[in-house]
């Protein structure tokens, strides 16, 4: 893994598992998560729709 240095006193597998879990906890989500947009175009469309809801003038 680029930019990761495993300390000499740590088990490689355990250390990398902890790094992976930390990334997940910080918001890195799997690409195929249920309910998530499957393409960048769909994600942009969903974002635009959310913005339009905020821009509606009554």
PDB file of N, CA and C in Angstrom:
ATOM      1  N   UNK A   1       0.859  -1.169   0.000  1.00  0.00           N
ATOM      2  CA  UNK A   1       0.000   0.000   0.000  1.00  0.00           C
ATOM      3  C   UNK A   1       0.907   1.233   0.000  1.00  0.00           C
ATOM      4  N   UNK A   2       0.642   2.145  -0.884  1.00  0.00           N
ATOM      5  CA  UNK A   2       1.443   3.354  -1.007  1.00  0.00           C
ATOM      6  C   UNK A   2       1.286   4.239   0.225  1.00  0.00           C
ATOM      7  N   UNK A   3       2.378   4.822   0.672  1.00  0.00           N
ATOM      8  CA  UNK A   3       2.414   5.787   1.770  1.00  0.00           C
ATOM      9  C   UNK A   3       2.089   5.180   3.137  1.00  0.00           C
ATOM     10  N   UNK A   4       2.128   3.863   3.260  1.00  0.00           N
ATOM     11  CA  UNK A   4       1.884   3.217   4.542  1.00  0.00           C
ATOM     12  C   UNK A   4       3.176   2.538   4.988  1.00  0.00           C
ATOM     13  N   UNK A   5       3.601   2.847   6.187  1.00  0.00           N
ATOM     14  CA  UNK A   5       4.775   2.205   6.770  1.00  0.00           C
ATOM     15  C   UNK A   5       4.321   1.441   7.998  1.00  0.00           C
ATOM     16  N   UNK A   6       4.573   0.146   7.990  1.00  0.00           N
ATOM     17  CA  UNK A   6       4.177  -0.695   9.106  1.00  0.00           C
ATOM     18  C   UNK A   6       5.296  -0.652  10.152  1.00  0.00           C
ATOM     19  N   UNK A   7       4.957  -0.265  11.374  1.00  0.00           N
ATOM     20  CA  UNK A   7       5.973  -0.251  12.426  1.00  0.00           C
ATOM     21  C   UNK A   7       6.550  -1.657  12.648  1.00  0.00           C
ATOM     22  N   UNK A   8       7.817  -1.706  13.015  1.00  0.00           N
ATOM     23  CA  UNK A   8       8.493  -2.992  13.191  1.00  0.00           C
ATOM     24  C   UNK A   8       7.866  -3.845  14.286  1.00  0.00           C
ATOM     25  N   UNK A   9       7.288  -3.218  15.285  1.00  0.00           N
ATOM     26  CA  UNK A   9       6.728  -3.964  16.411  1.00  0.00           C
ATOM     27  C   UNK A   9       5.271  -4.385  16.190  1.00  0.00           C
ATOM     28  N   UNK A  10       4.728  -4.153  14.999  1.00  0.00           N
ATOM     29  CA  UNK A  10       3.325  -4.493  14.700  1.00  0.00           C
ATOM     30  C   UNK A  10       3.255  -5.656  13.722  1.00  0.00           C
ATOM     31  N   UNK A  11       2.201  -6.461  13.854  1.00  0.00           N
ATOM     32  CA  UNK A  11       1.913  -7.505  12.890  1.00  0.00           C
ATOM     33  C   UNK A  11       1.342  -6.844  11.645  1.00  0.00           C
ATOM     34  N   UNK A  12       1.861  -7.185  10.477  1.00  0.00           N
ATOM     35  CA  UNK A  12       1.476  -6.526   9.229  1.00  0.00           C
ATOM     36  C   UNK A  12      -0.020  -6.656   8.978  1.00  0.00           C
ATOM     37  N   UNK A  13      -0.552  -7.863   9.072  1.00  0.00           N
ATOM     38  CA  UNK A  13      -1.974  -8.088   8.785  1.00  0.00           C
ATOM     39  C   UNK A  13      -2.865  -7.318   9.754  1.00  0.00           C
ATOM     40  N   UNK A  14      -2.536  -7.360  11.034  1.00  0.00           N
ATOM     41  CA  UNK A  14      -3.326  -6.654  12.039  1.00  0.00           C
ATOM     42  C   UNK A  14      -3.269  -5.143  11.815  1.00  0.00           C
ATOM     43  N   UNK A  15      -2.072  -4.629  11.550  1.00  0.00           N
ATOM     44  CA  UNK A  15      -1.904  -3.196  11.347  1.00  0.00           C
ATOM     45  C   UNK A  15      -2.705  -2.716  10.139  1.00  0.00           C
ATOM     46  N   UNK A  16      -2.592  -3.432   9.010  1.00  0.00           N
ATOM     47  CA  UNK A  16      -3.311  -3.021   7.803  1.00  0.00           C
ATOM     48  C   UNK A  16      -4.820  -3.169   7.968  1.00  0.00           C
ATOM     49  N   UNK A  17      -5.253  -4.154   8.738  1.00  0.00           N
ATOM     50  CA  UNK A  17      -6.681  -4.301   9.029  1.00  0.00           C
ATOM     51  C   UNK A  17      -7.181  -3.102   9.815  1.00  0.00           C
ATOM     52  N   UNK A  18      -6.385  -2.641  10.779  1.00  0.00           N
ATOM     53  CA  UNK A  18      -6.761  -1.459  11.562  1.00  0.00           C
ATOM     54  C   UNK A  18      -6.794  -0.205  10.688  1.00  0.00           C
ATOM     55  N   UNK A  19      -5.841  -0.084   9.767  1.00  0.00           N
ATOM     56  CA  UNK A  19      -5.827   1.057   8.843  1.00  0.00           C
ATOM     57  C   UNK A  19      -7.081   1.043   7.978  1.00  0.00           C
ATOM     58  N   UNK A  20      -7.418  -0.118   7.445  1.00  0.00           N
ATOM     59  CA  UNK A  20      -8.605  -0.253   6.599  1.00  0.00           C
ATOM     60  C   UNK A  20      -9.867   0.124   7.380  1.00  0.00           C
ATOM     61  N   UNK A  21      -9.988  -0.365   8.606  1.00  0.00           N
ATOM     62  CA  UNK A  21     -11.164  -0.069   9.422  1.00  0.00           C
ATOM     63  C   UNK A  21     -11.243   1.413   9.729  1.00  0.00           C
ATOM     64  N   UNK A  22     -10.103   2.046   9.975  1.00  0.00           N
ATOM     65  CA  UNK A  22     -10.087   3.479  10.250  1.00  0.00           C
ATOM     66  C   UNK A  22     -10.578   4.264   9.037  1.00  0.00           C
ATOM     67  N   UNK A  23     -10.152   3.857   7.842  1.00  0.00           N
ATOM     68  CA  UNK A  23     -10.621   4.524   6.625  1.00  0.00           C
ATOM     69  C   UNK A  23     -12.129   4.358   6.453  1.00  0.00           C
ATOM     70  N   UNK A  24     -12.630   3.174   6.742  1.00  0.00           N
ATOM     71  CA  UNK A  24     -14.070   2.926   6.639  1.00  0.00           C
ATOM     72  C   UNK A  24     -14.813   3.799   7.639  1.00  0.00           C
ATOM     73  N   UNK A  25     -14.289   3.891   8.856  1.00  0.00           N
ATOM     74  CA  UNK A  25     -14.933   4.703   9.886  1.00  0.00           C
ATOM     75  C   UNK A  25     -14.941   6.183   9.523  1.00  0.00           C
ATOM     76  N   UNK A  26     -13.972   6.621   8.738  1.00  0.00           N
ATOM     77  CA  UNK A  26     -13.887   8.024   8.337  1.00  0.00           C
ATOM     78  C   UNK A  26     -14.761   8.351   7.138  1.00  0.00           C
ATOM     79  N   UNK A  27     -15.431   7.358   6.579  1.00  0.00           N
ATOM     80  CA  UNK A  27     -16.362   7.658   5.509  1.00  0.00           C
ATOM     81  C   UNK A  27     -16.082   6.990   4.196  1.00  0.00           C
ATOM     82  N   UNK A  28     -15.015   6.222   4.082  1.00  0.00           N
ATOM     83  CA  UNK A  28     -14.766   5.496   2.851  1.00  0.00           C
ATOM     84  C   UNK A  28     -15.767   4.354   2.783  1.00  0.00           C
ATOM     85  N   UNK A  29     -16.615   4.358   1.775  1.00  0.00           N
ATOM     86  CA  UNK A  29     -17.665   3.354   1.650  1.00  0.00           C
ATOM     87  C   UNK A  29     -17.407   2.480   0.428  1.00  0.00           C
ATOM     88  N   UNK A  30     -17.853   1.241   0.470  1.00  0.00           N
ATOM     89  CA  UNK A  30     -17.724   0.379  -0.699  1.00  0.00           C
ATOM     90  C   UNK A  30     -18.485   0.963  -1.887  1.00  0.00           C
ATOM     91  N   UNK A  31     -17.981   0.747  -3.088  1.00  0.00           N
ATOM     92  CA  UNK A  31     -18.584   1.305  -4.299  1.00  0.00           C
ATOM     93  C   UNK A  31     -19.962   0.709  -4.575  1.00  0.00           C
ATOM     94  N   UNK A  32     -20.215  -0.516  -4.174  1.00  0.00           N
ATOM     95  CA  UNK A  32     -21.477  -1.188  -4.487  1.00  0.00           C
ATOM     96  C   UNK A  32     -22.430  -1.230  -3.305  1.00  0.00           C
ATOM     97  N   UNK A  33     -22.389  -0.227  -2.467  1.00  0.00           N
ATOM     98  CA  UNK A  33     -23.273  -0.181  -1.310  1.00  0.00           C
ATOM     99  C   UNK A  33     -24.719  -0.036  -1.772  1.00  0.00           C
ATOM    100  N   UNK A  34     -25.649  -0.813  -1.212  1.00  0.00           N
ATOM    101  CA  UNK A  34     -27.049  -0.707  -1.627  1.00  0.00           C
ATOM    102  C   UNK A  34     -27.586   0.706  -1.436  1.00  0.00           C
ATOM    103  N   UNK A  35     -28.308   1.186  -2.427  1.00  0.00           N
ATOM    104  CA  UNK A  35     -28.901   2.509  -2.351  1.00  0.00           C
ATOM    105  C   UNK A  35     -28.003   3.623  -2.831  1.00  0.00           C
ATOM    106  N   UNK A  36     -26.758   3.318  -3.114  1.00  0.00           N
ATOM    107  CA  UNK A  36     -25.858   4.365  -3.581  1.00  0.00           C
ATOM    108  C   UNK A  36     -25.911   4.437  -5.104  1.00  0.00           C
ATOM    109  N   UNK A  37     -25.694   5.628  -5.660  1.00  0.00           N
ATOM    110  CA  UNK A  37     -25.697   5.754  -7.118  1.00  0.00           C
ATOM    111  C   UNK A  37     -24.612   4.876  -7.732  1.00  0.00           C
ATOM    112  N   UNK A  38     -24.923   4.279  -8.884  1.00  0.00           N
ATOM    113  CA  UNK A  38     -23.975   3.350  -9.487  1.00  0.00           C
ATOM    114  C   UNK A  38     -23.015   4.030 -10.449  1.00  0.00           C
ATOM    115  N   UNK A  39     -23.275   5.258 -10.815  1.00  0.00           N
ATOM    116  CA  UNK A  39     -22.368   5.944 -11.720  1.00  0.00           C
ATOM    117  C   UNK A  39     -22.200   7.392 -11.295  1.00  0.00           C
ATOM    118  N   UNK A  40     -21.170   8.027 -11.816  1.00  0.00           N
ATOM    119  CA  UNK A  40     -20.927   9.435 -11.488  1.00  0.00           C
ATOM    120  C   UNK A  40     -22.080  10.301 -11.993  1.00  0.00           C
ATOM    121  N   UNK A  41     -22.626   9.969 -13.160  1.00  0.00           N
ATOM    122  CA  UNK A  41     -23.752  10.727 -13.704  1.00  0.00           C
ATOM    123  C   UNK A  41     -24.970  10.669 -12.802  1.00  0.00           C
ATOM    124  N   UNK A  42     -25.256   9.499 -12.282  1.00  0.00           N
ATOM    125  CA  UNK A  42     -26.397   9.362 -11.371  1.00  0.00           C
ATOM    126  C   UNK A  42     -26.148  10.124 -10.071  1.00  0.00           C
ATOM    127  N   UNK A  43     -24.914  10.101  -9.586  1.00  0.00           N
ATOM    128  CA  UNK A  43     -24.586  10.827  -8.362  1.00  0.00           C
ATOM    129  C   UNK A  43     -24.752  12.329  -8.581  1.00  0.00           C
ATOM    130  N   UNK A  44     -24.316  12.834  -9.742  1.00  0.00           N
ATOM    131  CA  UNK A  44     -24.469  14.258 -10.046  1.00  0.00           C
ATOM    132  C   UNK A  44     -25.935  14.639 -10.194  1.00  0.00           C
ATOM    133  N   UNK A  45     -26.718  13.756 -10.808  1.00  0.00           N
ATOM    134  CA  UNK A  45     -28.150  14.014 -10.966  1.00  0.00           C
ATOM    135  C   UNK A  45     -28.823  14.099  -9.598  1.00  0.00           C
ATOM    136  N   UNK A  46     -28.465  13.184  -8.711  1.00  0.00           N
ATOM    137  CA  UNK A  46     -29.043  13.181  -7.368  1.00  0.00           C
ATOM    138  C   UNK A  46     -28.637  14.447  -6.610  1.00  0.00           C
ATOM    139  N   UNK A  47     -27.397  14.865  -6.747  1.00  0.00           N
ATOM    140  CA  UNK A  47     -26.922  16.084  -6.103  1.00  0.00           C
ATOM    141  C   UNK A  47     -27.667  17.309  -6.639  1.00  0.00           C
ATOM    142  N   UNK A  48     -27.856  17.375  -7.956  1.00  0.00           N
ATOM    143  CA  UNK A  48     -28.568  18.495  -8.567  1.00  0.00           C
ATOM    144  C   UNK A  48     -30.019  18.552  -8.079  1.00  0.00           C
ATOM    145  N   UNK A  49     -30.652  17.399  -7.966  1.00  0.00           N
ATOM    146  CA  UNK A  49     -32.035  17.365  -7.484  1.00  0.00           C
ATOM    147  C   UNK A  49     -32.121  17.875  -6.044  1.00  0.00           C
ATOM    148  N   UNK A  50     -31.147  17.496  -5.218  1.00  0.00           N
ATOM    149  CA  UNK A  50     -31.125  17.980  -3.836  1.00  0.00           C
ATOM    150  C   UNK A  50     -30.936  19.490  -3.794  1.00  0.00           C
ATOM    151  N   UNK A  51     -30.058  20.016  -4.643  1.00  0.00           N
ATOM    152  CA  UNK A  51     -29.837  21.466  -4.695  1.00  0.00           C
ATOM    153  C   UNK A  51     -31.104  22.205  -5.151  1.00  0.00           C
ATOM    154  N   UNK A  52     -31.800  21.641  -6.113  1.00  0.00           N
ATOM    155  CA  UNK A  52     -33.013  22.280  -6.613  1.00  0.00           C
ATOM    156  C   UNK A  52     -34.083  22.361  -5.526  1.00  0.00           C
ATOM    157  N   UNK A  53     -34.147  21.372  -4.674  1.00  0.00           N
ATOM    158  CA  UNK A  53     -35.109  21.405  -3.561  1.00  0.00           C
ATOM    159  C   UNK A  53     -34.809  22.587  -2.642  1.00  0.00           C
ATOM    160  N   UNK A  54     -33.535  22.909  -2.479  1.00  0.00           N
ATOM    161  CA  UNK A  54     -33.134  24.025  -1.611  1.00  0.00           C
ATOM    162  C   UNK A  54     -33.368  25.374  -2.294  1.00  0.00           C
ATOM    163  N   UNK A  55     -33.467  25.391  -3.625  1.00  0.00           N
ATOM    164  CA  UNK A  55     -33.588  26.652  -4.373  1.00  0.00           C
ATOM    165  C   UNK A  55     -35.025  27.035  -4.686  1.00  0.00           C
ATOM    166  N   UNK A  56     -35.993  26.241  -4.307  1.00  0.00           N
ATOM    167  CA  UNK A  56     -37.391  26.515  -4.612  1.00  0.00           C
ATOM    168  C   UNK A  56     -37.849  27.750  -3.857  1.00  0.00           C
ATOM    169  N   UNK A  57     -38.461  28.694  -4.595  1.00  0.00           N
ATOM    170  CA  UNK A  57     -38.963  29.923  -3.992  1.00  0.00           C
ATOM    171  C   UNK A  57     -40.480  29.806  -3.865  1.00  0.00           C
ATOM    172  N   UNK A  58     -40.972  30.050  -2.670  1.00  0.00           N
ATOM    173  CA  UNK A  58     -42.431  29.971  -2.438  1.00  0.00           C
ATOM    174  C   UNK A  58     -43.078  31.310  -2.639  1.00  0.00           C
TER     175      UNK A  58
END
